[in-house]
């Protein structure tokens, strides 16, 4: 698999299986040596697709985990496997996103099944992929990539309540071109997570629109697990649909905002246009 530089025509911006009320994805139960039950992620596809962006991470704190996942289509009890069986793996920070080929028609019910892995949070972004895998950078927050002239991460304050989003923070006043993919890197700023904070699940949302009228375009979730003053950087590349001139903003939420000492989320990004 490449770094997801895919010529993608986005058929829906929904991140299916992601629960914005709990900062989590859908829990898929693993089984030892046998396939677990099929778990519904998408009740009905909005359009025909031939691939999915799969976002997953461990439900519980584990130093590492690995297992196999498969995607299926069909009514309850009559699911048919439509993808290859693919490996999912992550460290304790629970960060992984990958593209998986799988054809399914509009209206079909989509489920997943897991083997030999702990319970996993999972969500799916359906896309239709065509053409050769080629994309170019059109904008970046990093100066060496032709961005806004700074290598400093954009800082986002900590949420004030559990599973409640922060205010939108502008990251790009006007996109210089259409954008199909967003590569996002996350870490904490200046090591301000104090020792013993433990783990928390977060959702990061990307939106467009004027200040006060932002609309969510895409989102991803990850699980931060650390007992020190920092966590391992997370990298995600997900499909988006930004038009030239769009004002892009970000907000985020945590399921443990009232439990932990407030800390600052740092983000760097790169926008890509498929050609």
C-alpha atoms as a PDB file:
ATOM      1  CA  UNK A   1       0.000   0.000   0.000  1.00  0.00           C
ATOM      2  CA  UNK A   2       1.228   3.471  -0.850  1.00  0.00           C
ATOM      3  CA  UNK A   3       0.850   6.527   1.356  1.00  0.00           C
ATOM      4  CA  UNK A   4      -2.754   6.641   0.143  1.00  0.00           C
ATOM      5  CA  UNK A   5      -1.919   8.977  -2.773  1.00  0.00           C
ATOM      6  CA  UNK A   6      -5.033   7.824  -4.571  1.00  0.00           C
ATOM      7  CA  UNK A   7      -7.013   9.391  -7.360  1.00  0.00           C
ATOM      8  CA  UNK A   8     -10.240   9.494  -5.391  1.00  0.00           C
ATOM      9  CA  UNK A   9     -13.653  10.807  -6.252  1.00  0.00           C
ATOM     10  CA  UNK A  10     -15.384  11.188  -2.915  1.00  0.00           C
ATOM     11  CA  UNK A  11     -18.925   9.822  -2.949  1.00  0.00           C
ATOM     12  CA  UNK A  12     -19.732  10.659   0.659  1.00  0.00           C
ATOM     13  CA  UNK A  13     -17.969  12.642   3.378  1.00  0.00           C
ATOM     14  CA  UNK A  14     -19.382  10.540   6.213  1.00  0.00           C
ATOM     15  CA  UNK A  15     -17.084   8.726   8.610  1.00  0.00           C
ATOM     16  CA  UNK A  16     -19.382   5.777   9.290  1.00  0.00           C
ATOM     17  CA  UNK A  17     -19.188   4.075  12.679  1.00  0.00           C
ATOM     18  CA  UNK A  18     -17.732   7.154  14.395  1.00  0.00           C
ATOM     19  CA  UNK A  19     -19.775   8.201  17.459  1.00  0.00           C
ATOM     20  CA  UNK A  20     -19.379  11.946  17.976  1.00  0.00           C
ATOM     21  CA  UNK A  21     -21.199  11.692  21.329  1.00  0.00           C
ATOM     22  CA  UNK A  22     -18.539   9.454  22.878  1.00  0.00           C
ATOM     23  CA  UNK A  23     -15.319  10.328  20.979  1.00  0.00           C
ATOM     24  CA  UNK A  24     -15.170   6.711  19.845  1.00  0.00           C
ATOM     25  CA  UNK A  25     -15.636   4.472  16.851  1.00  0.00           C
ATOM     26  CA  UNK A  26     -17.779   1.345  16.724  1.00  0.00           C
ATOM     27  CA  UNK A  27     -16.479  -1.450  18.950  1.00  0.00           C
ATOM     28  CA  UNK A  28     -15.691  -4.617  16.977  1.00  0.00           C
ATOM     29  CA  UNK A  29     -15.026  -7.641  19.218  1.00  0.00           C
ATOM     30  CA  UNK A  30     -12.048  -9.841  18.388  1.00  0.00           C
ATOM     31  CA  UNK A  31     -11.890 -13.609  18.705  1.00  0.00           C
ATOM     32  CA  UNK A  32      -8.961 -15.964  19.189  1.00  0.00           C
ATOM     33  CA  UNK A  33      -8.275 -18.026  16.097  1.00  0.00           C
ATOM     34  CA  UNK A  34     -11.769 -17.672  14.635  1.00  0.00           C
ATOM     35  CA  UNK A  35     -13.655 -14.885  12.931  1.00  0.00           C
ATOM     36  CA  UNK A  36     -15.853 -12.847  15.234  1.00  0.00           C
ATOM     37  CA  UNK A  37     -19.433 -11.919  14.428  1.00  0.00           C
ATOM     38  CA  UNK A  38     -20.159  -9.474  11.638  1.00  0.00           C
ATOM     39  CA  UNK A  39     -20.664  -5.942  13.039  1.00  0.00           C
ATOM     40  CA  UNK A  40     -22.691  -3.445  11.020  1.00  0.00           C
ATOM     41  CA  UNK A  41     -20.879  -0.191  10.216  1.00  0.00           C
ATOM     42  CA  UNK A  42     -22.954   1.260   7.343  1.00  0.00           C
ATOM     43  CA  UNK A  43     -26.700   0.440   7.206  1.00  0.00           C
ATOM     44  CA  UNK A  44     -26.938   1.459   3.541  1.00  0.00           C
ATOM     45  CA  UNK A  45     -24.229   2.815   1.238  1.00  0.00           C
ATOM     46  CA  UNK A  46     -25.118   6.184  -0.300  1.00  0.00           C
ATOM     47  CA  UNK A  47     -23.433   5.266  -3.594  1.00  0.00           C
ATOM     48  CA  UNK A  48     -21.490   2.490  -5.309  1.00  0.00           C
ATOM     49  CA  UNK A  49     -17.885   2.313  -4.090  1.00  0.00           C
ATOM     50  CA  UNK A  50     -14.779   0.258  -4.734  1.00  0.00           C
ATOM     51  CA  UNK A  51     -12.831   1.025  -1.593  1.00  0.00           C
ATOM     52  CA  UNK A  52     -12.868   2.152   2.024  1.00  0.00           C
ATOM     53  CA  UNK A  53     -10.561   4.162   4.231  1.00  0.00           C
ATOM     54  CA  UNK A  54     -10.397   2.092   7.435  1.00  0.00           C
ATOM     55  CA  UNK A  55      -9.612   3.945  10.694  1.00  0.00           C
ATOM     56  CA  UNK A  56      -9.009   1.760  13.733  1.00  0.00           C
ATOM     57  CA  UNK A  57      -7.308   1.549  17.121  1.00  0.00           C
ATOM     58  CA  UNK A  58      -7.385  -0.587  20.288  1.00  0.00           C
ATOM     59  CA  UNK A  59     -10.281  -0.225  22.714  1.00  0.00           C
ATOM     60  CA  UNK A  60      -8.141  -1.001  25.734  1.00  0.00           C
ATOM     61  CA  UNK A  61      -4.611  -0.041  26.701  1.00  0.00           C
ATOM     62  CA  UNK A  62      -2.251  -2.565  25.166  1.00  0.00           C
ATOM     63  CA  UNK A  63       1.454  -2.169  24.362  1.00  0.00           C
ATOM     64  CA  UNK A  64       0.744  -3.431  20.851  1.00  0.00           C
ATOM     65  CA  UNK A  65      -1.836  -5.500  19.044  1.00  0.00           C
ATOM     66  CA  UNK A  66      -2.398  -7.148  15.729  1.00  0.00           C
ATOM     67  CA  UNK A  67      -5.105  -9.076  13.971  1.00  0.00           C
ATOM     68  CA  UNK A  68      -6.998  -9.498  10.722  1.00  0.00           C
ATOM     69  CA  UNK A  69     -10.095  -7.668   9.553  1.00  0.00           C
ATOM     70  CA  UNK A  70     -12.447  -8.272   6.650  1.00  0.00           C
ATOM     71  CA  UNK A  71     -15.257  -6.221   5.122  1.00  0.00           C
ATOM     72  CA  UNK A  72     -18.578  -7.739   4.143  1.00  0.00           C
ATOM     73  CA  UNK A  73     -21.824  -6.725   2.439  1.00  0.00           C
ATOM     74  CA  UNK A  74     -25.342  -8.070   2.748  1.00  0.00           C
ATOM     75  CA  UNK A  75     -28.257  -8.496   5.113  1.00  0.00           C
ATOM     76  CA  UNK A  76     -27.829  -9.728   8.683  1.00  0.00           C
ATOM     77  CA  UNK A  77     -26.964 -13.421   8.596  1.00  0.00           C
ATOM     78  CA  UNK A  78     -26.240 -13.346   4.861  1.00  0.00           C
ATOM     79  CA  UNK A  79     -23.022 -11.299   4.760  1.00  0.00           C
ATOM     80  CA  UNK A  80     -20.576 -12.032   1.959  1.00  0.00           C
ATOM     81  CA  UNK A  81     -16.898 -11.103   2.170  1.00  0.00           C
ATOM     82  CA  UNK A  82     -16.029  -8.343  -0.316  1.00  0.00           C
ATOM     83  CA  UNK A  83     -12.460  -7.446   0.716  1.00  0.00           C
ATOM     84  CA  UNK A  84      -9.244  -9.287   1.219  1.00  0.00           C
ATOM     85  CA  UNK A  85      -8.406 -10.237   4.790  1.00  0.00           C
ATOM     86  CA  UNK A  86      -6.029  -7.490   5.855  1.00  0.00           C
ATOM     87  CA  UNK A  87      -3.746  -6.947   8.824  1.00  0.00           C
ATOM     88  CA  UNK A  88      -4.460  -4.250  11.367  1.00  0.00           C
ATOM     89  CA  UNK A  89      -1.733  -3.289  13.791  1.00  0.00           C
ATOM     90  CA  UNK A  90      -0.980  -0.343  16.066  1.00  0.00           C
ATOM     91  CA  UNK A  91       0.986   0.610  19.138  1.00  0.00           C
ATOM     92  CA  UNK A  92      -0.578   1.744  22.395  1.00  0.00           C
ATOM     93  CA  UNK A  93      -1.456   5.125  20.905  1.00  0.00           C
ATOM     94  CA  UNK A  94      -3.973   3.393  18.661  1.00  0.00           C
ATOM     95  CA  UNK A  95      -3.310   5.117  15.369  1.00  0.00           C
ATOM     96  CA  UNK A  96      -3.880   3.512  11.996  1.00  0.00           C
ATOM     97  CA  UNK A  97      -5.583   4.363   8.721  1.00  0.00           C
ATOM     98  CA  UNK A  98      -5.359   2.387   5.504  1.00  0.00           C
ATOM     99  CA  UNK A  99      -7.160   2.084   2.177  1.00  0.00           C
ATOM    100  CA  UNK A 100      -8.731  -1.280   1.329  1.00  0.00           C
ATOM    101  CA  UNK A 101     -10.205  -2.231  -2.052  1.00  0.00           C
ATOM    102  CA  UNK A 102     -13.729  -3.625  -1.849  1.00  0.00           C
ATOM    103  CA  UNK A 103     -16.584  -3.233  -4.307  1.00  0.00           C
ATOM    104  CA  UNK A 104     -20.111  -2.646  -3.005  1.00  0.00           C
ATOM    105  CA  UNK A 105     -23.239  -1.223  -4.575  1.00  0.00           C
ATOM    106  CA  UNK A 106     -25.416   1.686  -3.489  1.00  0.00           C
ATOM    107  CA  UNK A 107     -27.874   0.665  -0.791  1.00  0.00           C
ATOM    108  CA  UNK A 108     -25.878  -2.322   0.457  1.00  0.00           C
ATOM    109  CA  UNK A 109     -25.353  -2.920   4.177  1.00  0.00           C
ATOM    110  CA  UNK A 110     -21.633  -2.984   5.132  1.00  0.00           C
ATOM    111  CA  UNK A 111     -20.199  -4.932   8.076  1.00  0.00           C
ATOM    112  CA  UNK A 112     -16.787  -5.984   9.369  1.00  0.00           C
ATOM    113  CA  UNK A 113     -15.412  -9.039  11.166  1.00  0.00           C
ATOM    114  CA  UNK A 114     -12.247  -9.401  13.258  1.00  0.00           C
ATOM    115  CA  UNK A 115      -9.977 -12.298  14.259  1.00  0.00           C
ATOM    116  CA  UNK A 116      -7.107 -12.636  16.766  1.00  0.00           C
ATOM    117  CA  UNK A 117      -7.097  -9.091  18.131  1.00  0.00           C
ATOM    118  CA  UNK A 118      -8.452  -7.302  21.198  1.00  0.00           C
ATOM    119  CA  UNK A 119     -11.631  -5.272  20.861  1.00  0.00           C
ATOM    120  CA  UNK A 120     -11.067  -2.498  18.332  1.00  0.00           C
ATOM    121  CA  UNK A 121     -12.618   0.910  17.674  1.00  0.00           C
ATOM    122  CA  UNK A 122     -13.323   1.188  13.955  1.00  0.00           C
ATOM    123  CA  UNK A 123     -14.931   3.465  11.372  1.00  0.00           C
ATOM    124  CA  UNK A 124     -15.108   3.504   7.568  1.00  0.00           C
ATOM    125  CA  UNK A 125     -14.999   6.246   4.920  1.00  0.00           C
ATOM    126  CA  UNK A 126     -16.343   4.895   1.580  1.00  0.00           C
ATOM    127  CA  UNK A 127     -14.781   6.221  -1.634  1.00  0.00           C
ATOM    128  CA  UNK A 128     -14.658   5.483  -5.340  1.00  0.00           C
ATOM    129  CA  UNK A 129     -11.057   5.289  -6.577  1.00  0.00           C
ATOM    130  CA  UNK A 130     -10.031   5.594 -10.204  1.00  0.00           C
ATOM    131  CA  UNK A 131      -6.915   6.210 -12.250  1.00  0.00           C
ATOM    132  CA  UNK A 132      -3.256   6.126 -11.281  1.00  0.00           C
ATOM    133  CA  UNK A 133      -2.066   6.866  -7.736  1.00  0.00           C
ATOM    134  CA  UNK A 134      -0.635  10.354  -8.158  1.00  0.00           C
ATOM    135  CA  UNK A 135      -1.114  13.476  -6.040  1.00  0.00           C
ATOM    136  CA  UNK A 136       0.670  16.775  -5.618  1.00  0.00           C
ATOM    137  CA  UNK A 137       1.040  19.011  -2.583  1.00  0.00           C
ATOM    138  CA  UNK A 138      -0.954  22.218  -2.991  1.00  0.00           C
ATOM    139  CA  UNK A 139      -0.662  23.654   0.522  1.00  0.00           C
ATOM    140  CA  UNK A 140       1.050  22.814   3.791  1.00  0.00           C
ATOM    141  CA  UNK A 141       1.504  24.243   7.265  1.00  0.00           C
ATOM    142  CA  UNK A 142       5.214  23.483   6.965  1.00  0.00           C
ATOM    143  CA  UNK A 143       7.492  26.059   5.346  1.00  0.00           C
ATOM    144  CA  UNK A 144       9.710  23.567   3.534  1.00  0.00           C
ATOM    145  CA  UNK A 145       6.617  22.204   1.749  1.00  0.00           C
ATOM    146  CA  UNK A 146       5.474  25.591   0.487  1.00  0.00           C
ATOM    147  CA  UNK A 147       3.092  26.264   3.320  1.00  0.00           C
ATOM    148  CA  UNK A 148       2.378  29.273   5.479  1.00  0.00           C
ATOM    149  CA  UNK A 149       6.031  29.868   6.320  1.00  0.00           C
ATOM    150  CA  UNK A 150       6.337  28.286   9.753  1.00  0.00           C
ATOM    151  CA  UNK A 151       7.474  24.931  11.087  1.00  0.00           C
ATOM    152  CA  UNK A 152       5.637  25.496  14.374  1.00  0.00           C
ATOM    153  CA  UNK A 153       2.662  23.245  14.996  1.00  0.00           C
ATOM    154  CA  UNK A 154      -0.768  24.865  15.079  1.00  0.00           C
ATOM    155  CA  UNK A 155      -1.961  24.838  18.702  1.00  0.00           C
ATOM    156  CA  UNK A 156      -5.474  23.878  19.766  1.00  0.00           C
ATOM    157  CA  UNK A 157      -6.678  24.336  23.361  1.00  0.00           C
ATOM    158  CA  UNK A 158      -8.039  21.476  25.426  1.00  0.00           C
ATOM    159  CA  UNK A 159     -11.810  20.825  25.496  1.00  0.00           C
ATOM    160  CA  UNK A 160     -13.678  21.990  28.606  1.00  0.00           C
ATOM    161  CA  UNK A 161     -16.071  19.025  28.853  1.00  0.00           C
ATOM    162  CA  UNK A 162     -16.093  15.332  27.970  1.00  0.00           C
ATOM    163  CA  UNK A 163     -17.174  14.579  24.387  1.00  0.00           C
ATOM    164  CA  UNK A 164     -17.769  18.265  23.691  1.00  0.00           C
ATOM    165  CA  UNK A 165     -16.028  19.847  20.720  1.00  0.00           C
ATOM    166  CA  UNK A 166     -13.799  22.872  21.025  1.00  0.00           C
ATOM    167  CA  UNK A 167     -14.522  25.973  18.965  1.00  0.00           C
ATOM    168  CA  UNK A 168     -13.410  25.872  15.339  1.00  0.00           C
ATOM    169  CA  UNK A 169      -9.852  27.141  14.771  1.00  0.00           C
ATOM    170  CA  UNK A 170      -8.873  28.383  11.308  1.00  0.00           C
ATOM    171  CA  UNK A 171      -5.883  26.611   9.763  1.00  0.00           C
ATOM    172  CA  UNK A 172      -6.121  27.859   6.147  1.00  0.00           C
ATOM    173  CA  UNK A 173      -7.761  31.153   5.199  1.00  0.00           C
ATOM    174  CA  UNK A 174      -8.250  30.175   1.563  1.00  0.00           C
ATOM    175  CA  UNK A 175      -7.274  26.945  -0.204  1.00  0.00           C
ATOM    176  CA  UNK A 176      -5.077  27.752  -3.200  1.00  0.00           C
ATOM    177  CA  UNK A 177      -6.571  24.850  -5.171  1.00  0.00           C
ATOM    178  CA  UNK A 178      -9.027  21.986  -4.871  1.00  0.00           C
ATOM    179  CA  UNK A 179      -7.965  19.474  -2.212  1.00  0.00           C
ATOM    180  CA  UNK A 180      -8.700  15.737  -2.252  1.00  0.00           C
ATOM    181  CA  UNK A 181      -6.510  14.404   0.566  1.00  0.00           C
ATOM    182  CA  UNK A 182      -5.409  15.824   3.906  1.00  0.00           C
ATOM    183  CA  UNK A 183      -2.317  14.453   5.649  1.00  0.00           C
ATOM    184  CA  UNK A 184      -2.554  15.395   9.332  1.00  0.00           C
ATOM    185  CA  UNK A 185       0.089  14.915  12.040  1.00  0.00           C
ATOM    186  CA  UNK A 186      -0.805  15.192  15.734  1.00  0.00           C
ATOM    187  CA  UNK A 187       1.262  15.528  18.914  1.00  0.00           C
ATOM    188  CA  UNK A 188       1.070  17.452  22.149  1.00  0.00           C
ATOM    189  CA  UNK A 189       2.677  20.896  22.322  1.00  0.00           C
ATOM    190  CA  UNK A 190       5.724  21.491  24.548  1.00  0.00           C
ATOM    191  CA  UNK A 191       5.300  18.264  26.509  1.00  0.00           C
ATOM    192  CA  UNK A 192       2.466  19.685  28.580  1.00  0.00           C
ATOM    193  CA  UNK A 193       0.773  16.357  29.274  1.00  0.00           C
ATOM    194  CA  UNK A 194       1.710  15.667  32.881  1.00  0.00           C
ATOM    195  CA  UNK A 195       2.858  12.239  34.034  1.00  0.00           C
ATOM    196  CA  UNK A 196       0.136   9.749  34.868  1.00  0.00           C
ATOM    197  CA  UNK A 197      -2.499  11.200  32.571  1.00  0.00           C
ATOM    198  CA  UNK A 198      -3.403   7.805  31.106  1.00  0.00           C
ATOM    199  CA  UNK A 199      -5.385   7.250  27.942  1.00  0.00           C
ATOM    200  CA  UNK A 200      -8.163   9.100  26.161  1.00  0.00           C
ATOM    201  CA  UNK A 201      -9.993   8.864  22.862  1.00  0.00           C
ATOM    202  CA  UNK A 202     -10.211  11.941  20.653  1.00  0.00           C
ATOM    203  CA  UNK A 203     -11.991  12.991  17.466  1.00  0.00           C
ATOM    204  CA  UNK A 204     -10.487  15.574  15.121  1.00  0.00           C
ATOM    205  CA  UNK A 205     -12.849  17.249  12.641  1.00  0.00           C
ATOM    206  CA  UNK A 206     -12.041  19.267   9.517  1.00  0.00           C
ATOM    207  CA  UNK A 207     -14.596  21.791   8.275  1.00  0.00           C
ATOM    208  CA  UNK A 208     -15.083  24.571   5.761  1.00  0.00           C
ATOM    209  CA  UNK A 209     -16.981  27.844   5.817  1.00  0.00           C
ATOM    210  CA  UNK A 210     -16.929  31.353   7.211  1.00  0.00           C
ATOM    211  CA  UNK A 211     -16.292  31.923  10.909  1.00  0.00           C
ATOM    212  CA  UNK A 212     -19.386  30.896  12.832  1.00  0.00           C
ATOM    213  CA  UNK A 213     -20.803  28.925   9.873  1.00  0.00           C
ATOM    214  CA  UNK A 214     -18.351  26.040   9.588  1.00  0.00           C
ATOM    215  CA  UNK A 215     -19.571  22.707   8.185  1.00  0.00           C
ATOM    216  CA  UNK A 216     -17.815  19.426   8.980  1.00  0.00           C
ATOM    217  CA  UNK A 217     -16.311  17.805   5.884  1.00  0.00           C
ATOM    218  CA  UNK A 218     -14.350  14.904   7.343  1.00  0.00           C
ATOM    219  CA  UNK A 219     -13.178  13.513  10.677  1.00  0.00           C
ATOM    220  CA  UNK A 220     -10.994  10.823  12.200  1.00  0.00           C
ATOM    221  CA  UNK A 221     -10.555   9.293  15.638  1.00  0.00           C
ATOM    222  CA  UNK A 222      -7.557   7.958  17.530  1.00  0.00           C
ATOM    223  CA  UNK A 223      -6.759   6.757  21.031  1.00  0.00           C
ATOM    224  CA  UNK A 224      -3.968   8.529  22.916  1.00  0.00           C
ATOM    225  CA  UNK A 225      -2.358   6.238  25.484  1.00  0.00           C
ATOM    226  CA  UNK A 226       0.578   7.522  27.477  1.00  0.00           C
ATOM    227  CA  UNK A 227       1.743   7.624  31.056  1.00  0.00           C
ATOM    228  CA  UNK A 228       4.357  10.296  30.454  1.00  0.00           C
ATOM    229  CA  UNK A 229       4.299  13.963  29.432  1.00  0.00           C
ATOM    230  CA  UNK A 230       3.919  13.193  25.740  1.00  0.00           C
ATOM    231  CA  UNK A 231       2.398  10.719  23.287  1.00  0.00           C
ATOM    232  CA  UNK A 232       3.716   9.275  20.070  1.00  0.00           C
ATOM    233  CA  UNK A 233       2.866  11.453  17.026  1.00  0.00           C
ATOM    234  CA  UNK A 234      -0.090  10.187  14.992  1.00  0.00           C
ATOM    235  CA  UNK A 235      -0.320  10.489  11.205  1.00  0.00           C
ATOM    236  CA  UNK A 236      -3.553  10.274   9.223  1.00  0.00           C
ATOM    237  CA  UNK A 237      -4.250  10.751   5.525  1.00  0.00           C
ATOM    238  CA  UNK A 238      -7.950  10.921   4.776  1.00  0.00           C
ATOM    239  CA  UNK A 239     -10.175  11.976   1.861  1.00  0.00           C
ATOM    240  CA  UNK A 240     -11.644  15.471   1.998  1.00  0.00           C
ATOM    241  CA  UNK A 241     -13.399  17.763  -0.483  1.00  0.00           C
ATOM    242  CA  UNK A 242     -12.112  21.329  -0.245  1.00  0.00           C
ATOM    243  CA  UNK A 243     -12.732  23.761  -3.093  1.00  0.00           C
ATOM    244  CA  UNK A 244     -10.409  26.535  -4.194  1.00  0.00           C
ATOM    245  CA  UNK A 245     -10.914  29.482  -1.863  1.00  0.00           C
ATOM    246  CA  UNK A 246     -12.431  27.445   0.977  1.00  0.00           C
ATOM    247  CA  UNK A 247     -11.622  28.564   4.509  1.00  0.00           C
ATOM    248  CA  UNK A 248     -10.580  25.413   6.431  1.00  0.00           C
ATOM    249  CA  UNK A 249     -10.895  25.005  10.195  1.00  0.00           C
ATOM    250  CA  UNK A 250     -10.357  22.264  12.776  1.00  0.00           C
ATOM    251  CA  UNK A 251     -11.962  21.353  16.094  1.00  0.00           C
ATOM    252  CA  UNK A 252     -11.561  18.355  18.395  1.00  0.00           C
ATOM    253  CA  UNK A 253     -12.976  16.592  21.424  1.00  0.00           C
ATOM    254  CA  UNK A 254     -11.838  14.116  24.110  1.00  0.00           C
ATOM    255  CA  UNK A 255     -13.692  11.548  26.194  1.00  0.00           C
ATOM    256  CA  UNK A 256     -11.618  12.424  29.291  1.00  0.00           C
ATOM    257  CA  UNK A 257     -11.449  16.222  29.315  1.00  0.00           C
ATOM    258  CA  UNK A 258     -12.659  16.460  32.913  1.00  0.00           C
ATOM    259  CA  UNK A 259     -10.298  13.724  34.102  1.00  0.00           C
ATOM    260  CA  UNK A 260      -6.961  15.016  32.836  1.00  0.00           C
ATOM    261  CA  UNK A 261      -4.918  18.149  33.310  1.00  0.00           C
ATOM    262  CA  UNK A 262      -5.601  20.420  30.281  1.00  0.00           C
ATOM    263  CA  UNK A 263      -2.952  20.153  27.588  1.00  0.00           C
ATOM    264  CA  UNK A 264      -2.491  21.584  24.095  1.00  0.00           C
ATOM    265  CA  UNK A 265      -2.947  19.585  20.893  1.00  0.00           C
ATOM    266  CA  UNK A 266      -0.430  20.403  18.163  1.00  0.00           C
ATOM    267  CA  UNK A 267      -1.127  19.745  14.489  1.00  0.00           C
ATOM    268  CA  UNK A 268       0.714  19.986  11.184  1.00  0.00           C
ATOM    269  CA  UNK A 269      -1.007  19.361   7.871  1.00  0.00           C
ATOM    270  CA  UNK A 270      -0.425  18.913   4.154  1.00  0.00           C
ATOM    271  CA  UNK A 271      -3.195  19.261   1.550  1.00  0.00           C
ATOM    272  CA  UNK A 272      -2.949  17.295  -1.701  1.00  0.00           C
ATOM    273  CA  UNK A 273      -4.700  17.503  -5.053  1.00  0.00           C
ATOM    274  CA  UNK A 274      -5.079  14.333  -7.097  1.00  0.00           C
ATOM    275  CA  UNK A 275      -4.224  14.637 -10.778  1.00  0.00           C
END
